[in-house]
């Protein structure tokens, strides 16, 4: 497995992704359920949101990924104390600013959805106990999270097809026992501008927090890209099957 060259290629892909993306909107179909101690699933909460993501680069070595939902989620109404945040940023684990925070290994060439894919694992380095890649917010308290994960990279290594992350260890200080993200990516083509981007299409989050377990699920559609080149245009999109 050419791990070094794959990481370099994935890093270059992230640079292009950040340059082309910068800001997009989508329709988010969101569902959240509580899972009881004996596996009993509670009544699901379902809602549509207008979902906005924008990426800022306040310093050359720093990225800030922000998400907004309209209407603003009401956690009391949703019946769950948590909502998935940060999933668009997870693929940035391959970006040069975050990559040194992790130890990398390669399982070899496998497949994802019937297509060749390199299986790459990463885990927080002991000398870098946390990363700014993801945090957990509870009230006014924000904690950076130690992560491990696995990614399915395209055979060329230039984009992520699927990504999963877990806590490297439970966080008893904030009563967060588990946080498992699973993200499917899909190629989105924007017809008003010659650019295609791999964007999150489905995000699943399983979390155990304060002794309770929750499953959040989101599916994204109706993407719009806000282009920030010489002239700003908004492009309608369609979802394409990934190229062979």
C-alpha atoms as a PDB file:
ATOM      1  CA  UNK A   1       0.000   0.000   0.000  1.00  0.00           C
ATOM      2  CA  UNK A   2       1.581   3.330  -1.080  1.00  0.00           C
ATOM      3  CA  UNK A   3       0.494   5.073   2.126  1.00  0.00           C
ATOM      4  CA  UNK A   4       2.755   8.109   1.851  1.00  0.00           C
ATOM      5  CA  UNK A   5       1.721   8.955  -1.708  1.00  0.00           C
ATOM      6  CA  UNK A   6      -1.950   8.321  -0.899  1.00  0.00           C
ATOM      7  CA  UNK A   7      -1.833  10.757   2.016  1.00  0.00           C
ATOM      8  CA  UNK A   8      -0.151  13.363  -0.177  1.00  0.00           C
ATOM      9  CA  UNK A   9      -2.735  12.889  -2.922  1.00  0.00           C
ATOM     10  CA  UNK A  10      -5.612  13.063  -0.424  1.00  0.00           C
ATOM     11  CA  UNK A  11      -4.092  16.239   1.024  1.00  0.00           C
ATOM     12  CA  UNK A  12      -3.940  17.830  -2.432  1.00  0.00           C
ATOM     13  CA  UNK A  13      -7.545  16.803  -2.960  1.00  0.00           C
ATOM     14  CA  UNK A  14      -8.519  18.562   0.269  1.00  0.00           C
ATOM     15  CA  UNK A  15      -6.784  21.767  -0.866  1.00  0.00           C
ATOM     16  CA  UNK A  16      -8.777  21.738  -4.118  1.00  0.00           C
ATOM     17  CA  UNK A  17     -11.958  20.854  -2.207  1.00  0.00           C
ATOM     18  CA  UNK A  18     -11.539  23.819   0.137  1.00  0.00           C
ATOM     19  CA  UNK A  19     -10.726  26.166  -2.757  1.00  0.00           C
ATOM     20  CA  UNK A  20     -13.778  25.117  -4.769  1.00  0.00           C
ATOM     21  CA  UNK A  21     -16.244  24.678  -1.933  1.00  0.00           C
ATOM     22  CA  UNK A  22     -16.041  27.618   0.494  1.00  0.00           C
ATOM     23  CA  UNK A  23     -19.823  27.701   0.890  1.00  0.00           C
ATOM     24  CA  UNK A  24     -22.766  25.455   0.022  1.00  0.00           C
ATOM     25  CA  UNK A  25     -26.369  24.951   1.011  1.00  0.00           C
ATOM     26  CA  UNK A  26     -28.529  21.837   0.987  1.00  0.00           C
ATOM     27  CA  UNK A  27     -31.825  20.477   2.211  1.00  0.00           C
ATOM     28  CA  UNK A  28     -31.289  18.280   5.263  1.00  0.00           C
ATOM     29  CA  UNK A  29     -33.748  15.505   6.113  1.00  0.00           C
ATOM     30  CA  UNK A  30     -33.010  14.933   9.783  1.00  0.00           C
ATOM     31  CA  UNK A  31     -34.127  12.180  12.140  1.00  0.00           C
ATOM     32  CA  UNK A  32     -33.256  11.510  15.777  1.00  0.00           C
ATOM     33  CA  UNK A  33     -34.305   8.648  18.058  1.00  0.00           C
ATOM     34  CA  UNK A  34     -33.434   7.594  21.592  1.00  0.00           C
ATOM     35  CA  UNK A  35     -32.442   3.962  22.098  1.00  0.00           C
ATOM     36  CA  UNK A  36     -33.447   2.432  25.437  1.00  0.00           C
ATOM     37  CA  UNK A  37     -31.365   0.132  27.622  1.00  0.00           C
ATOM     38  CA  UNK A  38     -32.923  -2.979  26.085  1.00  0.00           C
ATOM     39  CA  UNK A  39     -32.682  -1.755  22.498  1.00  0.00           C
ATOM     40  CA  UNK A  40     -36.173  -0.271  22.430  1.00  0.00           C
ATOM     41  CA  UNK A  41     -36.324   2.611  19.964  1.00  0.00           C
ATOM     42  CA  UNK A  42     -38.297   5.682  20.999  1.00  0.00           C
ATOM     43  CA  UNK A  43     -40.535   7.794  18.828  1.00  0.00           C
ATOM     44  CA  UNK A  44     -38.401   9.386  16.095  1.00  0.00           C
ATOM     45  CA  UNK A  45     -38.178  13.121  15.677  1.00  0.00           C
ATOM     46  CA  UNK A  46     -38.126  14.197  12.023  1.00  0.00           C
ATOM     47  CA  UNK A  47     -37.588  17.612  10.515  1.00  0.00           C
ATOM     48  CA  UNK A  48     -36.335  19.335   7.365  1.00  0.00           C
ATOM     49  CA  UNK A  49     -33.697  22.030   7.666  1.00  0.00           C
ATOM     50  CA  UNK A  50     -32.119  24.436   5.240  1.00  0.00           C
ATOM     51  CA  UNK A  51     -28.476  23.594   5.836  1.00  0.00           C
ATOM     52  CA  UNK A  52     -25.531  25.936   5.229  1.00  0.00           C
ATOM     53  CA  UNK A  53     -21.815  25.182   5.429  1.00  0.00           C
ATOM     54  CA  UNK A  54     -19.060  27.723   4.931  1.00  0.00           C
ATOM     55  CA  UNK A  55     -15.304  27.400   5.290  1.00  0.00           C
ATOM     56  CA  UNK A  56     -13.052  30.216   6.445  1.00  0.00           C
ATOM     57  CA  UNK A  57      -9.289  30.328   6.665  1.00  0.00           C
ATOM     58  CA  UNK A  58      -8.439  32.874   9.367  1.00  0.00           C
ATOM     59  CA  UNK A  59      -4.753  31.892   9.222  1.00  0.00           C
ATOM     60  CA  UNK A  60      -2.728  29.951   6.632  1.00  0.00           C
ATOM     61  CA  UNK A  61      -2.546  26.919   8.929  1.00  0.00           C
ATOM     62  CA  UNK A  62      -6.092  27.133  10.323  1.00  0.00           C
ATOM     63  CA  UNK A  63      -9.517  26.196   8.955  1.00  0.00           C
ATOM     64  CA  UNK A  64     -12.864  27.125  10.451  1.00  0.00           C
ATOM     65  CA  UNK A  65     -15.869  25.096   9.237  1.00  0.00           C
ATOM     66  CA  UNK A  66     -19.226  26.521  10.296  1.00  0.00           C
ATOM     67  CA  UNK A  67     -22.699  24.999   9.979  1.00  0.00           C
ATOM     68  CA  UNK A  68     -26.072  26.677  10.246  1.00  0.00           C
ATOM     69  CA  UNK A  69     -29.559  25.189  10.192  1.00  0.00           C
ATOM     70  CA  UNK A  70     -32.790  27.035   9.470  1.00  0.00           C
ATOM     71  CA  UNK A  71     -34.965  26.954  11.469  1.00  0.00           C
ATOM     72  CA  UNK A  72     -32.611  26.848  14.451  1.00  0.00           C
ATOM     73  CA  UNK A  73     -32.852  23.388  16.080  1.00  0.00           C
ATOM     74  CA  UNK A  74     -34.764  23.290  19.356  1.00  0.00           C
ATOM     75  CA  UNK A  75     -33.231  20.468  21.396  1.00  0.00           C
ATOM     76  CA  UNK A  76     -36.234  20.418  23.746  1.00  0.00           C
ATOM     77  CA  UNK A  77     -38.589  19.891  20.817  1.00  0.00           C
ATOM     78  CA  UNK A  78     -36.290  17.257  19.330  1.00  0.00           C
ATOM     79  CA  UNK A  79     -36.364  15.142  22.477  1.00  0.00           C
ATOM     80  CA  UNK A  80     -32.590  14.653  22.378  1.00  0.00           C
ATOM     81  CA  UNK A  81     -29.814  16.673  24.027  1.00  0.00           C
ATOM     82  CA  UNK A  82     -27.470  16.384  21.045  1.00  0.00           C
ATOM     83  CA  UNK A  83     -27.398  17.206  17.363  1.00  0.00           C
ATOM     84  CA  UNK A  84     -24.735  16.172  14.867  1.00  0.00           C
ATOM     85  CA  UNK A  85     -22.265  18.925  14.084  1.00  0.00           C
ATOM     86  CA  UNK A  86     -18.935  18.863  12.330  1.00  0.00           C
ATOM     87  CA  UNK A  87     -19.512  16.067   9.820  1.00  0.00           C
ATOM     88  CA  UNK A  88     -18.387  18.170   6.790  1.00  0.00           C
ATOM     89  CA  UNK A  89     -15.050  18.739   8.521  1.00  0.00           C
ATOM     90  CA  UNK A  90     -14.232  15.095   9.213  1.00  0.00           C
ATOM     91  CA  UNK A  91     -12.688  14.455   5.770  1.00  0.00           C
ATOM     92  CA  UNK A  92     -10.287  17.305   6.547  1.00  0.00           C
ATOM     93  CA  UNK A  93      -8.366  14.781   8.660  1.00  0.00           C
ATOM     94  CA  UNK A  94      -6.337  14.401   5.433  1.00  0.00           C
ATOM     95  CA  UNK A  95      -5.587  18.136   5.253  1.00  0.00           C
ATOM     96  CA  UNK A  96      -2.007  19.124   6.044  1.00  0.00           C
ATOM     97  CA  UNK A  97      -2.995  21.079   9.186  1.00  0.00           C
ATOM     98  CA  UNK A  98      -4.624  18.040  10.816  1.00  0.00           C
ATOM     99  CA  UNK A  99      -2.719  15.068   9.378  1.00  0.00           C
ATOM    100  CA  UNK A 100       0.262  15.256  11.809  1.00  0.00           C
ATOM    101  CA  UNK A 101      -2.124  14.811  14.762  1.00  0.00           C
ATOM    102  CA  UNK A 102      -2.720  11.173  13.783  1.00  0.00           C
ATOM    103  CA  UNK A 103      -0.901   7.909  13.295  1.00  0.00           C
ATOM    104  CA  UNK A 104      -1.694   6.447   9.882  1.00  0.00           C
ATOM    105  CA  UNK A 105      -1.845   2.839   8.662  1.00  0.00           C
ATOM    106  CA  UNK A 106      -3.145   1.167   5.518  1.00  0.00           C
ATOM    107  CA  UNK A 107      -5.140  -2.081   5.334  1.00  0.00           C
ATOM    108  CA  UNK A 108      -4.594  -2.361   1.594  1.00  0.00           C
ATOM    109  CA  UNK A 109      -6.864  -2.177  -1.421  1.00  0.00           C
ATOM    110  CA  UNK A 110     -10.487  -3.128  -0.826  1.00  0.00           C
ATOM    111  CA  UNK A 111     -13.731  -1.734  -2.184  1.00  0.00           C
ATOM    112  CA  UNK A 112     -16.607   0.531  -1.325  1.00  0.00           C
ATOM    113  CA  UNK A 113     -19.961   0.113  -3.073  1.00  0.00           C
ATOM    114  CA  UNK A 114     -18.322  -2.204  -5.581  1.00  0.00           C
ATOM    115  CA  UNK A 115     -15.532   0.216  -6.516  1.00  0.00           C
ATOM    116  CA  UNK A 116     -11.818  -0.103  -5.639  1.00  0.00           C
ATOM    117  CA  UNK A 117     -10.867   1.810  -2.516  1.00  0.00           C
ATOM    118  CA  UNK A 118      -7.815   2.074  -0.278  1.00  0.00           C
ATOM    119  CA  UNK A 119      -8.673   1.397   3.360  1.00  0.00           C
ATOM    120  CA  UNK A 120      -6.814   3.866   5.571  1.00  0.00           C
ATOM    121  CA  UNK A 121      -6.881   3.953   9.376  1.00  0.00           C
ATOM    122  CA  UNK A 122      -5.915   6.826  11.652  1.00  0.00           C
ATOM    123  CA  UNK A 123      -5.664   7.295  15.417  1.00  0.00           C
ATOM    124  CA  UNK A 124      -4.766  10.216  17.647  1.00  0.00           C
ATOM    125  CA  UNK A 125      -1.052  10.337  18.467  1.00  0.00           C
ATOM    126  CA  UNK A 126      -0.185   9.999  22.139  1.00  0.00           C
ATOM    127  CA  UNK A 127       1.948  13.146  21.993  1.00  0.00           C
ATOM    128  CA  UNK A 128      -0.985  15.022  20.402  1.00  0.00           C
ATOM    129  CA  UNK A 129      -3.845  13.956  22.705  1.00  0.00           C
ATOM    130  CA  UNK A 130      -6.490  16.062  20.967  1.00  0.00           C
ATOM    131  CA  UNK A 131      -7.039  17.740  17.622  1.00  0.00           C
ATOM    132  CA  UNK A 132      -9.034  20.782  16.604  1.00  0.00           C
ATOM    133  CA  UNK A 133     -10.721  18.589  13.988  1.00  0.00           C
ATOM    134  CA  UNK A 134     -13.746  18.002  16.225  1.00  0.00           C
ATOM    135  CA  UNK A 135     -15.065  19.183  19.553  1.00  0.00           C
ATOM    136  CA  UNK A 136     -18.047  18.479  21.790  1.00  0.00           C
ATOM    137  CA  UNK A 137     -20.099  21.365  23.141  1.00  0.00           C
ATOM    138  CA  UNK A 138     -22.180  21.008  26.283  1.00  0.00           C
ATOM    139  CA  UNK A 139     -23.580  24.224  27.670  1.00  0.00           C
ATOM    140  CA  UNK A 140     -20.693  26.684  27.861  1.00  0.00           C
ATOM    141  CA  UNK A 141     -18.157  23.861  27.965  1.00  0.00           C
ATOM    142  CA  UNK A 142     -16.251  22.860  24.806  1.00  0.00           C
ATOM    143  CA  UNK A 143     -13.881  19.894  24.738  1.00  0.00           C
ATOM    144  CA  UNK A 144     -11.601  18.832  21.907  1.00  0.00           C
ATOM    145  CA  UNK A 145     -12.038  15.137  21.174  1.00  0.00           C
ATOM    146  CA  UNK A 146      -9.418  12.410  20.692  1.00  0.00           C
ATOM    147  CA  UNK A 147     -10.399  10.481  17.570  1.00  0.00           C
ATOM    148  CA  UNK A 148      -9.662   7.334  15.646  1.00  0.00           C
ATOM    149  CA  UNK A 149     -11.200   6.318  12.359  1.00  0.00           C
ATOM    150  CA  UNK A 150     -11.175   4.542   9.048  1.00  0.00           C
ATOM    151  CA  UNK A 151     -11.566   5.947   5.552  1.00  0.00           C
ATOM    152  CA  UNK A 152     -12.167   4.474   2.129  1.00  0.00           C
ATOM    153  CA  UNK A 153     -10.159   6.496  -0.391  1.00  0.00           C
ATOM    154  CA  UNK A 154     -10.601   6.379  -4.149  1.00  0.00           C
ATOM    155  CA  UNK A 155      -8.050   4.226  -5.953  1.00  0.00           C
ATOM    156  CA  UNK A 156      -6.240   7.396  -7.050  1.00  0.00           C
ATOM    157  CA  UNK A 157      -6.411   8.695  -3.484  1.00  0.00           C
ATOM    158  CA  UNK A 158      -7.798  12.111  -4.378  1.00  0.00           C
ATOM    159  CA  UNK A 159     -11.153  11.895  -2.554  1.00  0.00           C
ATOM    160  CA  UNK A 160     -12.901  10.192   0.344  1.00  0.00           C
ATOM    161  CA  UNK A 161     -15.742   7.802  -0.503  1.00  0.00           C
ATOM    162  CA  UNK A 162     -16.712   6.835   3.052  1.00  0.00           C
ATOM    163  CA  UNK A 163     -15.438   7.787   6.498  1.00  0.00           C
ATOM    164  CA  UNK A 164     -16.084   6.576  10.039  1.00  0.00           C
ATOM    165  CA  UNK A 165     -14.780   8.013  13.294  1.00  0.00           C
ATOM    166  CA  UNK A 166     -14.946   7.011  16.956  1.00  0.00           C
ATOM    167  CA  UNK A 167     -13.663   8.387  20.208  1.00  0.00           C
ATOM    168  CA  UNK A 168     -10.196   7.069  20.957  1.00  0.00           C
ATOM    169  CA  UNK A 169     -11.365   6.722  24.563  1.00  0.00           C
ATOM    170  CA  UNK A 170     -14.472   7.659  26.569  1.00  0.00           C
ATOM    171  CA  UNK A 171     -14.647  11.167  28.013  1.00  0.00           C
ATOM    172  CA  UNK A 172     -15.967  10.690  31.588  1.00  0.00           C
ATOM    173  CA  UNK A 173     -15.390  14.346  32.466  1.00  0.00           C
ATOM    174  CA  UNK A 174     -18.244  15.317  30.128  1.00  0.00           C
ATOM    175  CA  UNK A 175     -20.080  11.948  30.420  1.00  0.00           C
ATOM    176  CA  UNK A 176     -19.544  11.168  26.745  1.00  0.00           C
ATOM    177  CA  UNK A 177     -19.008   7.414  26.453  1.00  0.00           C
ATOM    178  CA  UNK A 178     -19.227   6.947  22.707  1.00  0.00           C
ATOM    179  CA  UNK A 179     -19.522   9.000  19.525  1.00  0.00           C
ATOM    180  CA  UNK A 180     -19.540   7.144  16.223  1.00  0.00           C
ATOM    181  CA  UNK A 181     -19.844   9.033  12.938  1.00  0.00           C
ATOM    182  CA  UNK A 182     -20.447   7.318   9.595  1.00  0.00           C
ATOM    183  CA  UNK A 183     -20.392   9.544   6.503  1.00  0.00           C
ATOM    184  CA  UNK A 184     -21.143   8.627   2.886  1.00  0.00           C
ATOM    185  CA  UNK A 185     -19.840  10.971   0.195  1.00  0.00           C
ATOM    186  CA  UNK A 186     -21.166  11.405  -3.314  1.00  0.00           C
ATOM    187  CA  UNK A 187     -20.062  13.334  -6.381  1.00  0.00           C
ATOM    188  CA  UNK A 188     -22.108  16.477  -6.970  1.00  0.00           C
ATOM    189  CA  UNK A 189     -21.866  18.329 -10.305  1.00  0.00           C
ATOM    190  CA  UNK A 190     -22.724  22.024 -10.551  1.00  0.00           C
ATOM    191  CA  UNK A 191     -23.980  22.838 -14.041  1.00  0.00           C
ATOM    192  CA  UNK A 192     -23.474  26.612 -13.996  1.00  0.00           C
ATOM    193  CA  UNK A 193     -19.775  26.198 -13.229  1.00  0.00           C
ATOM    194  CA  UNK A 194     -17.300  23.517 -14.341  1.00  0.00           C
ATOM    195  CA  UNK A 195     -16.732  21.981 -10.924  1.00  0.00           C
ATOM    196  CA  UNK A 196     -17.712  18.693  -9.292  1.00  0.00           C
ATOM    197  CA  UNK A 197     -17.295  18.093  -5.569  1.00  0.00           C
ATOM    198  CA  UNK A 198     -17.488  15.098  -3.256  1.00  0.00           C
ATOM    199  CA  UNK A 199     -19.920  16.179  -0.539  1.00  0.00           C
ATOM    200  CA  UNK A 200     -21.535  14.385   2.413  1.00  0.00           C
ATOM    201  CA  UNK A 201     -24.754  12.736   1.279  1.00  0.00           C
ATOM    202  CA  UNK A 202     -25.653  10.669   4.354  1.00  0.00           C
ATOM    203  CA  UNK A 203     -24.454  11.149   7.923  1.00  0.00           C
ATOM    204  CA  UNK A 204     -25.202   8.754  10.763  1.00  0.00           C
ATOM    205  CA  UNK A 205     -24.267   9.473  14.383  1.00  0.00           C
ATOM    206  CA  UNK A 206     -24.551   7.060  17.307  1.00  0.00           C
ATOM    207  CA  UNK A 207     -23.843   8.631  20.664  1.00  0.00           C
ATOM    208  CA  UNK A 208     -23.931   7.640  24.335  1.00  0.00           C
ATOM    209  CA  UNK A 209     -24.177  10.735  26.499  1.00  0.00           C
ATOM    210  CA  UNK A 210     -25.091  11.000  30.195  1.00  0.00           C
ATOM    211  CA  UNK A 211     -26.155   7.353  30.256  1.00  0.00           C
ATOM    212  CA  UNK A 212     -28.516   7.640  27.271  1.00  0.00           C
ATOM    213  CA  UNK A 213     -28.029   6.431  23.694  1.00  0.00           C
ATOM    214  CA  UNK A 214     -29.170   8.321  20.600  1.00  0.00           C
ATOM    215  CA  UNK A 215     -29.054   7.768  16.871  1.00  0.00           C
ATOM    216  CA  UNK A 216     -29.105  10.789  14.582  1.00  0.00           C
ATOM    217  CA  UNK A 217     -29.430  10.410  10.835  1.00  0.00           C
ATOM    218  CA  UNK A 218     -29.285  13.054   8.106  1.00  0.00           C
ATOM    219  CA  UNK A 219     -29.577  12.946   4.331  1.00  0.00           C
ATOM    220  CA  UNK A 220     -28.656  15.904   2.131  1.00  0.00           C
ATOM    221  CA  UNK A 221     -30.073  16.919  -1.245  1.00  0.00           C
ATOM    222  CA  UNK A 222     -30.743  19.998  -3.410  1.00  0.00           C
ATOM    223  CA  UNK A 223     -27.180  21.273  -3.158  1.00  0.00           C
ATOM    224  CA  UNK A 224     -26.328  24.840  -4.142  1.00  0.00           C
ATOM    225  CA  UNK A 225     -22.780  26.095  -4.444  1.00  0.00           C
ATOM    226  CA  UNK A 226     -21.934  29.708  -3.702  1.00  0.00           C
ATOM    227  CA  UNK A 227     -19.027  30.387  -6.016  1.00  0.00           C
ATOM    228  CA  UNK A 228     -16.546  32.970  -4.735  1.00  0.00           C
ATOM    229  CA  UNK A 229     -14.468  33.530  -7.841  1.00  0.00           C
ATOM    230  CA  UNK A 230     -14.245  36.737  -9.877  1.00  0.00           C
ATOM    231  CA  UNK A 231     -18.030  36.745 -10.250  1.00  0.00           C
ATOM    232  CA  UNK A 232     -20.393  35.085  -7.852  1.00  0.00           C
ATOM    233  CA  UNK A 233     -22.910  32.654  -9.266  1.00  0.00           C
ATOM    234  CA  UNK A 234     -25.217  30.108  -7.741  1.00  0.00           C
ATOM    235  CA  UNK A 235     -25.373  26.778  -9.514  1.00  0.00           C
ATOM    236  CA  UNK A 236     -28.107  24.176  -9.504  1.00  0.00           C
ATOM    237  CA  UNK A 237     -26.850  20.668  -9.056  1.00  0.00           C
ATOM    238  CA  UNK A 238     -27.685  17.052  -9.518  1.00  0.00           C
ATOM    239  CA  UNK A 239     -26.232  14.016  -7.802  1.00  0.00           C
ATOM    240  CA  UNK A 240     -24.047  11.879 -10.045  1.00  0.00           C
ATOM    241  CA  UNK A 241     -22.940   8.326  -9.569  1.00  0.00           C
ATOM    242  CA  UNK A 242     -19.217   8.278  -8.732  1.00  0.00           C
ATOM    243  CA  UNK A 243     -17.055   7.615 -11.806  1.00  0.00           C
ATOM    244  CA  UNK A 244     -15.687   4.112 -12.319  1.00  0.00           C
END
